[in-house]
Amino acid sequence: MNALTSMPTIPTVVQLKQGSQAWLDYRRTMRNASETAAVLGVSPWCTPYQLWLLKTGRAETKVTAAMQHGTDMEATAREAYERVTGIVMQPLVMRDGPYSASLDGCALDGDLILEIKCPYKGQASALWNDAVAGRTPEYYMLQVMHQLMVSGATFAHLYVFDGANAQLLEIQRDESVMQRIRDGWDAFQVYLDTDTPPPLTDADVVQRDDAGWVAAAAAFTSAKLAADLADQAVATARDALVAPAKHPKEQGAGVSVTRYWKAGAVNYKAVPELKGVNLEKFRGKLREEVRVTVG
């Protein structure tokens, strides 16, 4: 990937349709507003390492149901916003040097931009509750601030729409946050330019394709399949033994079938005396466990 410079330039409109393949190809080379929270390590959905995988072509973006819902609802939400505010908004892709912003709307005078959010859970979502309380989550604030930085607009409206009702939050330019964004992207760009992964977080999954891993994974998969087949055979044979055994204990040919009753587990949450009692101090020591799965 070519190095990107942070030198300020005059913002320009990029003639690309949002969602098109050309737009997707363009975004891969740019510092995009929707990626800024990940760059700064505050995105709940994407870590710096996961973004690095995407930007270097090692992974592809998977469109979730929530993402598709937002895309499908955007035009309806924009129309609702325009009816309520009387402000006409034009979707635009804007670029300022290496920075890009795909705007859900920009006012004709360029002083106001619009960011639409249509939470999948509507009014049951955390975002809706934040908006009702007048709070903008940091990861969305950074996205909008990036958009303000690129577009040159003075302020933005964050419009949270549930399909019928909406909450509107106003976000003003903050040059200190914009500098934080530029510094974060400059640091992240080094990982792209040197093809070096950024530090991992606990939310990351390291992708391995080295020969040693591949060989060990193949051996484990083969052994796991054989073990699963053996377990299935054991279960089938066990059922064949248990079915005709009616007495509490029967045996023959070196095998015994024993029937007995076992007490059920205690539902501690149902014990009235334990209501409100903090049971954590009675918990055993933290221990590390390893789970290996196939697929």
C-alpha atoms as a PDB file:
ATOM      1  CA  MET A   1       0.000   0.000   0.000  1.00  0.00           C
ATOM      2  CA  ASN A   2       1.303   3.422  -0.891  1.00  0.00           C
ATOM      3  CA  ALA A   3       2.211   5.763   1.938  1.00  0.00           C
ATOM      4  CA  LEU A   4      -0.335   8.492   2.669  1.00  0.00           C
ATOM      5  CA  THR A   5       0.652  11.943   3.756  1.00  0.00           C
ATOM      6  CA  SER A   6      -1.146  14.073   6.326  1.00  0.00           C
ATOM      7  CA  MET A   7      -0.537  17.367   4.503  1.00  0.00           C
ATOM      8  CA  PRO A   8      -3.745  19.432   4.532  1.00  0.00           C
ATOM      9  CA  THR A   9      -5.443  20.027   1.190  1.00  0.00           C
ATOM     10  CA  ILE A  10      -8.704  21.525  -0.075  1.00  0.00           C
ATOM     11  CA  PRO A  11     -11.622  19.079   0.393  1.00  0.00           C
ATOM     12  CA  THR A  12     -13.040  17.771  -2.869  1.00  0.00           C
ATOM     13  CA  VAL A  13     -16.169  15.841  -3.818  1.00  0.00           C
ATOM     14  CA  VAL A  14     -15.461  12.329  -5.092  1.00  0.00           C
ATOM     15  CA  GLN A  15     -17.910  11.234  -7.768  1.00  0.00           C
ATOM     16  CA  LEU A  16     -18.601   7.740  -6.465  1.00  0.00           C
ATOM     17  CA  LYS A  17     -21.859   6.051  -5.552  1.00  0.00           C
ATOM     18  CA  GLN A  18     -21.775   4.853  -1.972  1.00  0.00           C
ATOM     19  CA  GLY A  19     -21.984   1.059  -1.854  1.00  0.00           C
ATOM     20  CA  SER A  20     -20.630   0.552  -5.380  1.00  0.00           C
ATOM     21  CA  GLN A  21     -17.572  -1.611  -6.080  1.00  0.00           C
ATOM     22  CA  ALA A  22     -15.636   1.466  -7.181  1.00  0.00           C
ATOM     23  CA  TRP A  23     -16.463   3.091  -3.834  1.00  0.00           C
ATOM     24  CA  LEU A  24     -15.328  -0.019  -1.954  1.00  0.00           C
ATOM     25  CA  ASP A  25     -12.044  -0.090  -3.883  1.00  0.00           C
ATOM     26  CA  TYR A  26     -11.522   3.607  -3.193  1.00  0.00           C
ATOM     27  CA  ARG A  27     -12.154   3.183   0.538  1.00  0.00           C
ATOM     28  CA  ARG A  28      -9.473   0.517   0.824  1.00  0.00           C
ATOM     29  CA  THR A  29      -6.838   3.126  -0.031  1.00  0.00           C
ATOM     30  CA  MET A  30      -8.189   5.912   2.176  1.00  0.00           C
ATOM     31  CA  ARG A  31      -8.364   6.923   5.819  1.00  0.00           C
ATOM     32  CA  ASN A  32     -12.123   6.586   6.295  1.00  0.00           C
ATOM     33  CA  ALA A  33     -14.322   8.163   8.953  1.00  0.00           C
ATOM     34  CA  SER A  34     -16.019   4.872   9.829  1.00  0.00           C
ATOM     35  CA  GLU A  35     -12.601   3.331  10.552  1.00  0.00           C
ATOM     36  CA  THR A  36     -11.288   6.015  12.895  1.00  0.00           C
ATOM     37  CA  ALA A  37     -12.709   4.506  16.085  1.00  0.00           C
ATOM     38  CA  ALA A  38     -10.950   1.224  15.245  1.00  0.00           C
ATOM     39  CA  VAL A  39      -7.677   3.049  14.548  1.00  0.00           C
ATOM     40  CA  LEU A  40      -7.903   4.692  17.979  1.00  0.00           C
ATOM     41  CA  GLY A  41      -8.807   1.406  19.674  1.00  0.00           C
ATOM     42  CA  VAL A  42     -12.287   2.402  20.882  1.00  0.00           C
ATOM     43  CA  SER A  43     -14.521   0.576  18.388  1.00  0.00           C
ATOM     44  CA  PRO A  44     -16.720  -2.135  19.937  1.00  0.00           C
ATOM     45  CA  TRP A  45     -16.746  -3.999  16.604  1.00  0.00           C
ATOM     46  CA  CYS A  46     -13.250  -3.756  15.134  1.00  0.00           C
ATOM     47  CA  THR A  47      -9.765  -3.736  16.664  1.00  0.00           C
ATOM     48  CA  PRO A  48      -6.707  -2.070  15.060  1.00  0.00           C
ATOM     49  CA  TYR A  49      -5.452  -5.533  14.068  1.00  0.00           C
ATOM     50  CA  GLN A  50      -8.760  -6.473  12.458  1.00  0.00           C
ATOM     51  CA  LEU A  51      -8.764  -3.185  10.537  1.00  0.00           C
ATOM     52  CA  TRP A  52      -5.176  -3.876   9.427  1.00  0.00           C
ATOM     53  CA  LEU A  53      -6.306  -7.246   8.063  1.00  0.00           C
ATOM     54  CA  LEU A  54      -9.045  -5.504   6.078  1.00  0.00           C
ATOM     55  CA  LYS A  55      -6.859  -2.682   4.783  1.00  0.00           C
ATOM     56  CA  THR A  56      -4.119  -5.068   3.647  1.00  0.00           C
ATOM     57  CA  GLY A  57      -6.538  -7.405   1.880  1.00  0.00           C
ATOM     58  CA  ARG A  58      -6.061 -10.279   4.321  1.00  0.00           C
ATOM     59  CA  ALA A  59      -9.736 -10.212   5.297  1.00  0.00           C
ATOM     60  CA  GLU A  60     -13.028  -9.098   3.807  1.00  0.00           C
ATOM     61  CA  THR A  61     -15.775  -7.074   5.435  1.00  0.00           C
ATOM     62  CA  LYS A  62     -18.751  -9.225   6.375  1.00  0.00           C
ATOM     63  CA  VAL A  63     -22.088  -7.455   6.091  1.00  0.00           C
ATOM     64  CA  THR A  64     -24.125  -8.207   9.209  1.00  0.00           C
ATOM     65  CA  ALA A  65     -27.888  -7.993   9.571  1.00  0.00           C
ATOM     66  CA  ALA A  66     -27.466  -4.783  11.570  1.00  0.00           C
ATOM     67  CA  MET A  67     -25.297  -3.237   8.839  1.00  0.00           C
ATOM     68  CA  GLN A  68     -27.772  -4.189   6.123  1.00  0.00           C
ATOM     69  CA  HIS A  69     -30.632  -2.793   8.191  1.00  0.00           C
ATOM     70  CA  GLY A  70     -28.834   0.539   8.442  1.00  0.00           C
ATOM     71  CA  THR A  71     -28.212   0.633   4.699  1.00  0.00           C
ATOM     72  CA  ASP A  72     -31.806  -0.260   3.886  1.00  0.00           C
ATOM     73  CA  MET A  73     -33.207   2.402   6.234  1.00  0.00           C
ATOM     74  CA  GLU A  74     -30.879   5.277   5.320  1.00  0.00           C
ATOM     75  CA  ALA A  75     -32.978   6.886   2.570  1.00  0.00           C
ATOM     76  CA  THR A  76     -36.147   6.698   4.672  1.00  0.00           C
ATOM     77  CA  ALA A  77     -34.328   8.213   7.644  1.00  0.00           C
ATOM     78  CA  ARG A  78     -32.920  11.052   5.518  1.00  0.00           C
ATOM     79  CA  GLU A  79     -36.395  11.859   4.193  1.00  0.00           C
ATOM     80  CA  ALA A  80     -37.727  11.912   7.769  1.00  0.00           C
ATOM     81  CA  TYR A  81     -34.908  14.227   8.836  1.00  0.00           C
ATOM     82  CA  GLU A  82     -35.616  16.607   5.952  1.00  0.00           C
ATOM     83  CA  ARG A  83     -39.339  16.716   6.821  1.00  0.00           C
ATOM     84  CA  VAL A  84     -38.636  17.504  10.463  1.00  0.00           C
ATOM     85  CA  THR A  85     -35.849  20.058   9.973  1.00  0.00           C
ATOM     86  CA  GLY A  86     -36.705  21.495   6.572  1.00  0.00           C
ATOM     87  CA  ILE A  87     -33.042  21.083   5.580  1.00  0.00           C
ATOM     88  CA  VAL A  88     -32.257  19.347   2.284  1.00  0.00           C
ATOM     89  CA  MET A  89     -29.379  16.903   2.602  1.00  0.00           C
ATOM     90  CA  GLN A  90     -27.307  15.502  -0.254  1.00  0.00           C
ATOM     91  CA  PRO A  91     -25.269  12.295   0.219  1.00  0.00           C
ATOM     92  CA  LEU A  92     -21.642  12.955  -0.737  1.00  0.00           C
ATOM     93  CA  VAL A  93     -18.236  11.317  -0.703  1.00  0.00           C
ATOM     94  CA  MET A  94     -15.620  13.897   0.215  1.00  0.00           C
ATOM     95  CA  ARG A  95     -11.844  13.713   0.315  1.00  0.00           C
ATOM     96  CA  ASP A  96      -9.185  15.839   1.972  1.00  0.00           C
ATOM     97  CA  GLY A  97      -5.768  14.463   1.085  1.00  0.00           C
ATOM     98  CA  PRO A  98      -5.593  10.898   2.450  1.00  0.00           C
ATOM     99  CA  TYR A  99      -8.766  11.337   4.508  1.00  0.00           C
ATOM    100  CA  SER A 100     -12.207  10.399   3.220  1.00  0.00           C
ATOM    101  CA  ALA A 101     -15.749  10.781   4.513  1.00  0.00           C
ATOM    102  CA  SER A 102     -18.866   9.201   3.051  1.00  0.00           C
ATOM    103  CA  LEU A 103     -21.556  11.600   4.227  1.00  0.00           C
ATOM    104  CA  ASP A 104     -25.172  10.577   4.686  1.00  0.00           C
ATOM    105  CA  GLY A 105     -25.989  14.182   3.945  1.00  0.00           C
ATOM    106  CA  CYS A 106     -24.499  17.623   3.446  1.00  0.00           C
ATOM    107  CA  ALA A 107     -26.479  20.882   3.495  1.00  0.00           C
ATOM    108  CA  LEU A 108     -26.369  23.068   0.407  1.00  0.00           C
ATOM    109  CA  ASP A 109     -24.195  25.691   2.116  1.00  0.00           C
ATOM    110  CA  GLY A 110     -21.753  23.004   3.276  1.00  0.00           C
ATOM    111  CA  ASP A 111     -21.864  24.187   6.890  1.00  0.00           C
ATOM    112  CA  LEU A 112     -23.903  21.252   8.246  1.00  0.00           C
ATOM    113  CA  ILE A 113     -23.468  17.525   7.653  1.00  0.00           C
ATOM    114  CA  LEU A 114     -25.656  14.582   8.615  1.00  0.00           C
ATOM    115  CA  GLU A 115     -24.799  11.154  10.021  1.00  0.00           C
ATOM    116  CA  ILE A 116     -27.692   8.676  10.181  1.00  0.00           C
ATOM    117  CA  LYS A 117     -27.862   5.718  12.540  1.00  0.00           C
ATOM    118  CA  CYS A 118     -30.705   3.199  12.388  1.00  0.00           C
ATOM    119  CA  PRO A 119     -30.095   0.784  15.260  1.00  0.00           C
ATOM    120  CA  TYR A 120     -31.208  -2.774  14.542  1.00  0.00           C
ATOM    121  CA  LYS A 121     -32.986  -2.994  17.913  1.00  0.00           C
ATOM    122  CA  GLY A 122     -34.610   0.413  17.546  1.00  0.00           C
ATOM    123  CA  GLN A 123     -35.639   1.978  20.841  1.00  0.00           C
ATOM    124  CA  ALA A 124     -34.358  -1.102  22.703  1.00  0.00           C
ATOM    125  CA  SER A 125     -30.791  -0.321  21.606  1.00  0.00           C
ATOM    126  CA  ALA A 126     -28.069   1.222  23.740  1.00  0.00           C
ATOM    127  CA  LEU A 127     -27.600   3.933  21.112  1.00  0.00           C
ATOM    128  CA  TRP A 128     -31.230   5.025  21.378  1.00  0.00           C
ATOM    129  CA  ASN A 129     -30.940   5.258  25.159  1.00  0.00           C
ATOM    130  CA  ASP A 130     -27.732   7.264  24.830  1.00  0.00           C
ATOM    131  CA  ALA A 131     -29.392   9.633  22.364  1.00  0.00           C
ATOM    132  CA  VAL A 132     -32.401  10.131  24.648  1.00  0.00           C
ATOM    133  CA  ALA A 133     -29.945  11.070  27.416  1.00  0.00           C
ATOM    134  CA  GLY A 134     -28.122  13.449  25.078  1.00  0.00           C
ATOM    135  CA  ARG A 135     -24.990  11.304  24.952  1.00  0.00           C
ATOM    136  CA  THR A 136     -22.963  10.508  21.840  1.00  0.00           C
ATOM    137  CA  PRO A 137     -20.879   7.313  22.149  1.00  0.00           C
ATOM    138  CA  GLU A 138     -17.189   8.038  21.655  1.00  0.00           C
ATOM    139  CA  TYR A 139     -16.875   5.771  18.626  1.00  0.00           C
ATOM    140  CA  TYR A 140     -19.639   7.662  16.802  1.00  0.00           C
ATOM    141  CA  MET A 141     -18.336  11.017  17.957  1.00  0.00           C
ATOM    142  CA  LEU A 142     -14.955  10.201  16.405  1.00  0.00           C
ATOM    143  CA  GLN A 143     -16.594   9.149  13.133  1.00  0.00           C
ATOM    144  CA  VAL A 144     -18.540  12.403  12.933  1.00  0.00           C
ATOM    145  CA  MET A 145     -15.525  14.495  13.952  1.00  0.00           C
ATOM    146  CA  HIS A 146     -13.554  12.856  11.142  1.00  0.00           C
ATOM    147  CA  GLN A 147     -16.371  13.825   8.767  1.00  0.00           C
ATOM    148  CA  LEU A 148     -16.298  17.416  10.014  1.00  0.00           C
ATOM    149  CA  MET A 149     -12.521  17.459   9.557  1.00  0.00           C
ATOM    150  CA  VAL A 150     -12.769  16.272   5.957  1.00  0.00           C
ATOM    151  CA  SER A 151     -15.802  18.304   4.887  1.00  0.00           C
ATOM    152  CA  GLY A 152     -14.870  21.561   6.596  1.00  0.00           C
ATOM    153  CA  ALA A 153     -18.416  21.843   7.999  1.00  0.00           C
ATOM    154  CA  THR A 154     -18.985  23.705  11.255  1.00  0.00           C
ATOM    155  CA  PHE A 155     -21.284  21.204  12.922  1.00  0.00           C
ATOM    156  CA  ALA A 156     -23.071  17.905  12.377  1.00  0.00           C
ATOM    157  CA  HIS A 157     -26.362  16.290  13.242  1.00  0.00           C
ATOM    158  CA  LEU A 158     -26.352  12.690  14.449  1.00  0.00           C
ATOM    159  CA  TYR A 159     -29.824  11.395  13.595  1.00  0.00           C
ATOM    160  CA  VAL A 160     -30.869   8.188  15.363  1.00  0.00           C
ATOM    161  CA  PHE A 161     -33.946   6.766  13.604  1.00  0.00           C
ATOM    162  CA  ASP A 162     -36.020   3.720  14.594  1.00  0.00           C
ATOM    163  CA  GLY A 163     -38.241   3.661  11.508  1.00  0.00           C
ATOM    164  CA  ALA A 164     -40.860   6.031  12.897  1.00  0.00           C
ATOM    165  CA  ASN A 165     -39.304   8.192  15.608  1.00  0.00           C
ATOM    166  CA  ALA A 166     -35.914   9.825  15.963  1.00  0.00           C
ATOM    167  CA  GLN A 167     -33.448  11.480  18.295  1.00  0.00           C
ATOM    168  CA  LEU A 168     -31.213  14.288  17.038  1.00  0.00           C
ATOM    169  CA  LEU A 169     -27.847  15.158  18.558  1.00  0.00           C
ATOM    170  CA  GLU A 170     -25.630  18.072  17.525  1.00  0.00           C
ATOM    171  CA  ILE A 171     -21.844  17.734  17.371  1.00  0.00           C
ATOM    172  CA  GLN A 172     -19.569  20.779  17.044  1.00  0.00           C
ATOM    173  CA  ARG A 173     -16.072  20.859  15.570  1.00  0.00           C
ATOM    174  CA  ASP A 174     -13.284  20.178  18.056  1.00  0.00           C
ATOM    175  CA  GLU A 175      -9.799  20.768  16.704  1.00  0.00           C
ATOM    176  CA  SER A 176      -8.145  18.880  19.565  1.00  0.00           C
ATOM    177  CA  VAL A 177     -10.125  15.737  18.705  1.00  0.00           C
ATOM    178  CA  MET A 178      -9.267  16.211  15.033  1.00  0.00           C
ATOM    179  CA  GLN A 179      -5.582  16.316  15.916  1.00  0.00           C
ATOM    180  CA  ARG A 180      -6.036  13.115  17.911  1.00  0.00           C
ATOM    181  CA  ILE A 181      -7.569  11.542  14.789  1.00  0.00           C
ATOM    182  CA  ARG A 182      -4.685  12.662  12.558  1.00  0.00           C
ATOM    183  CA  ASP A 183      -2.072  11.464  15.040  1.00  0.00           C
ATOM    184  CA  GLY A 184      -3.816   8.102  15.359  1.00  0.00           C
ATOM    185  CA  TRP A 185      -3.979   7.594  11.608  1.00  0.00           C
ATOM    186  CA  ASP A 186      -0.344   8.630  11.139  1.00  0.00           C
ATOM    187  CA  ALA A 187       0.688   5.985  13.671  1.00  0.00           C
ATOM    188  CA  PHE A 188      -1.560   3.343  12.102  1.00  0.00           C
ATOM    189  CA  GLN A 189      -0.235   4.141   8.626  1.00  0.00           C
ATOM    190  CA  VAL A 190       3.200   2.877   9.677  1.00  0.00           C
ATOM    191  CA  TYR A 191       1.700  -0.598  10.176  1.00  0.00           C
ATOM    192  CA  LEU A 192       0.240  -0.452   6.672  1.00  0.00           C
ATOM    193  CA  ASP A 193       3.388   0.868   5.023  1.00  0.00           C
ATOM    194  CA  THR A 194       5.630  -1.723   6.688  1.00  0.00           C
ATOM    195  CA  ASP A 195       3.083  -4.561   6.420  1.00  0.00           C
ATOM    196  CA  THR A 196       3.451  -5.083  10.165  1.00  0.00           C
ATOM    197  CA  PRO A 197       0.430  -6.006  12.311  1.00  0.00           C
ATOM    198  CA  PRO A 198      -0.409  -3.620  15.175  1.00  0.00           C
ATOM    199  CA  PRO A 199      -0.346  -4.879  18.771  1.00  0.00           C
ATOM    200  CA  LEU A 200      -3.059  -7.413  19.513  1.00  0.00           C
ATOM    201  CA  THR A 201      -5.878  -7.025  22.007  1.00  0.00           C
ATOM    202  CA  ASP A 202      -7.808  -9.729  23.847  1.00  0.00           C
ATOM    203  CA  ALA A 203     -10.567  -9.336  21.239  1.00  0.00           C
ATOM    204  CA  ASP A 204      -8.251 -10.326  18.386  1.00  0.00           C
ATOM    205  CA  VAL A 205      -7.931 -13.681  16.670  1.00  0.00           C
ATOM    206  CA  VAL A 206      -4.505 -14.207  15.109  1.00  0.00           C
ATOM    207  CA  GLN A 207      -4.686 -15.684  11.615  1.00  0.00           C
ATOM    208  CA  ARG A 208      -2.079 -18.469  11.187  1.00  0.00           C
ATOM    209  CA  ASP A 209      -1.001 -19.975   7.876  1.00  0.00           C
ATOM    210  CA  ASP A 210       2.571 -21.057   8.656  1.00  0.00           C
ATOM    211  CA  ALA A 211       3.582 -24.621   7.833  1.00  0.00           C
ATOM    212  CA  GLY A 212       3.847 -25.810  11.434  1.00  0.00           C
ATOM    213  CA  TRP A 213       0.361 -24.577  12.303  1.00  0.00           C
ATOM    214  CA  VAL A 214      -1.182 -26.001   9.130  1.00  0.00           C
ATOM    215  CA  ALA A 215       0.358 -29.438   9.764  1.00  0.00           C
ATOM    216  CA  ALA A 216      -0.708 -29.501  13.411  1.00  0.00           C
ATOM    217  CA  ALA A 217      -4.221 -28.321  12.496  1.00  0.00           C
ATOM    218  CA  ALA A 218      -4.561 -31.060   9.872  1.00  0.00           C
ATOM    219  CA  ALA A 219      -3.418 -33.712  12.364  1.00  0.00           C
ATOM    220  CA  PHE A 220      -5.864 -32.456  15.001  1.00  0.00           C
ATOM    221  CA  THR A 221      -8.766 -32.327  12.535  1.00  0.00           C
ATOM    222  CA  SER A 222      -8.108 -35.895  11.435  1.00  0.00           C
ATOM    223  CA  ALA A 223      -7.801 -37.154  15.009  1.00  0.00           C
ATOM    224  CA  LYS A 224     -10.919 -35.248  16.091  1.00  0.00           C
ATOM    225  CA  LEU A 225     -12.937 -36.771  13.261  1.00  0.00           C
ATOM    226  CA  ALA A 226     -11.772 -40.272  14.214  1.00  0.00           C
ATOM    227  CA  ALA A 227     -12.602 -39.594  17.873  1.00  0.00           C
ATOM    228  CA  ASP A 228     -16.074 -38.269  16.990  1.00  0.00           C
ATOM    229  CA  LEU A 229     -16.773 -41.373  14.914  1.00  0.00           C
ATOM    230  CA  ALA A 230     -15.569 -43.555  17.779  1.00  0.00           C
ATOM    231  CA  ASP A 231     -17.770 -41.638  20.258  1.00  0.00           C
ATOM    232  CA  GLN A 232     -20.744 -42.142  17.972  1.00  0.00           C
ATOM    233  CA  ALA A 233     -20.040 -45.857  17.751  1.00  0.00           C
ATOM    234  CA  VAL A 234     -19.719 -46.076  21.546  1.00  0.00           C
ATOM    235  CA  ALA A 235     -23.028 -44.235  22.021  1.00  0.00           C
ATOM    236  CA  THR A 236     -24.822 -46.551  19.583  1.00  0.00           C
ATOM    237  CA  ALA A 237     -23.408 -49.662  21.268  1.00  0.00           C
ATOM    238  CA  ARG A 238     -24.292 -48.268  24.715  1.00  0.00           C
ATOM    239  CA  ASP A 239     -27.907 -47.711  23.669  1.00  0.00           C
ATOM    240  CA  ALA A 240     -28.066 -51.306  22.421  1.00  0.00           C
ATOM    241  CA  LEU A 241     -26.960 -52.540  25.875  1.00  0.00           C
ATOM    242  CA  VAL A 242     -29.152 -50.247  27.960  1.00  0.00           C
ATOM    243  CA  ALA A 243     -32.383 -50.826  26.010  1.00  0.00           C
ATOM    244  CA  PRO A 244     -32.950 -54.472  27.097  1.00  0.00           C
ATOM    245  CA  ALA A 245     -31.564 -53.972  30.642  1.00  0.00           C
ATOM    246  CA  LYS A 246     -34.520 -53.589  33.045  1.00  0.00           C
ATOM    247  CA  HIS A 247     -33.067 -54.645  36.412  1.00  0.00           C
ATOM    248  CA  PRO A 248     -31.072 -52.069  38.487  1.00  0.00           C
ATOM    249  CA  LYS A 249     -27.898 -54.006  37.748  1.00  0.00           C
ATOM    250  CA  GLU A 250     -27.232 -56.468  34.932  1.00  0.00           C
ATOM    251  CA  GLN A 251     -23.949 -57.805  33.628  1.00  0.00           C
ATOM    252  CA  GLY A 252     -22.456 -60.275  31.190  1.00  0.00           C
ATOM    253  CA  ALA A 253     -19.578 -60.762  28.775  1.00  0.00           C
ATOM    254  CA  GLY A 254     -17.482 -58.407  30.909  1.00  0.00           C
ATOM    255  CA  VAL A 255     -19.924 -55.478  30.775  1.00  0.00           C
ATOM    256  CA  SER A 256     -22.261 -54.135  33.482  1.00  0.00           C
ATOM    257  CA  VAL A 257     -25.332 -51.873  33.187  1.00  0.00           C
ATOM    258  CA  THR A 258     -26.258 -50.135  36.457  1.00  0.00           C
ATOM    259  CA  ARG A 259     -29.259 -47.860  37.029  1.00  0.00           C
ATOM    260  CA  TYR A 260     -29.249 -45.339  39.905  1.00  0.00           C
ATOM    261  CA  TRP A 261     -30.663 -41.951  40.882  1.00  0.00           C
ATOM    262  CA  LYS A 262     -28.484 -38.847  41.140  1.00  0.00           C
ATOM    263  CA  ALA A 263     -29.374 -35.642  42.957  1.00  0.00           C
ATOM    264  CA  GLY A 264     -29.887 -32.614  40.743  1.00  0.00           C
ATOM    265  CA  ALA A 265     -27.748 -29.469  40.865  1.00  0.00           C
ATOM    266  CA  VAL A 266     -28.697 -26.760  43.356  1.00  0.00           C
ATOM    267  CA  ASN A 267     -30.216 -23.644  41.791  1.00  0.00           C
ATOM    268  CA  TYR A 268     -28.529 -21.100  44.045  1.00  0.00           C
ATOM    269  CA  LYS A 269     -30.421 -18.210  42.451  1.00  0.00           C
ATOM    270  CA  ALA A 270     -33.663 -19.710  43.770  1.00  0.00           C
ATOM    271  CA  VAL A 271     -32.469 -19.806  47.420  1.00  0.00           C
ATOM    272  CA  PRO A 272     -34.192 -16.870  49.224  1.00  0.00           C
ATOM    273  CA  GLU A 273     -31.463 -16.616  51.860  1.00  0.00           C
ATOM    274  CA  LEU A 274     -28.870 -16.014  49.141  1.00  0.00           C
ATOM    275  CA  LYS A 275     -30.717 -13.156  47.474  1.00  0.00           C
ATOM    276  CA  GLY A 276     -28.464 -10.119  47.420  1.00  0.00           C
ATOM    277  CA  VAL A 277     -25.476 -12.110  48.713  1.00  0.00           C
ATOM    278  CA  ASN A 278     -22.260 -11.626  46.735  1.00  0.00           C
ATOM    279  CA  LEU A 279     -21.084 -15.160  45.991  1.00  0.00           C
ATOM    280  CA  GLU A 280     -17.947 -14.081  44.145  1.00  0.00           C
ATOM    281  CA  LYS A 281     -15.812 -14.268  47.290  1.00  0.00           C
ATOM    282  CA  PHE A 282     -16.663 -17.959  47.497  1.00  0.00           C
ATOM    283  CA  ARG A 283     -15.557 -18.658  43.941  1.00  0.00           C
ATOM    284  CA  GLY A 284     -12.428 -20.755  43.367  1.00  0.00           C
ATOM    285  CA  LYS A 285      -9.212 -19.391  41.878  1.00  0.00           C
ATOM    286  CA  LEU A 286      -9.166 -18.259  38.270  1.00  0.00           C
ATOM    287  CA  ARG A 287      -7.682 -20.936  36.046  1.00  0.00           C
ATOM    288  CA  GLU A 288      -6.743 -20.986  32.412  1.00  0.00           C
ATOM    289  CA  GLU A 289      -8.497 -23.433  30.151  1.00  0.00           C
ATOM    290  CA  VAL A 290      -7.837 -24.215  26.489  1.00  0.00           C
ATOM    291  CA  ARG A 291     -10.564 -25.044  23.989  1.00  0.00           C
ATOM    292  CA  VAL A 292      -9.702 -26.356  20.524  1.00  0.00           C
ATOM    293  CA  THR A 293     -12.484 -26.471  17.908  1.00  0.00           C
ATOM    294  CA  VAL A 294     -12.719 -27.480  14.275  1.00  0.00           C
ATOM    295  CA  GLY A 295     -14.393 -25.233  11.727  1.00  0.00           C
END
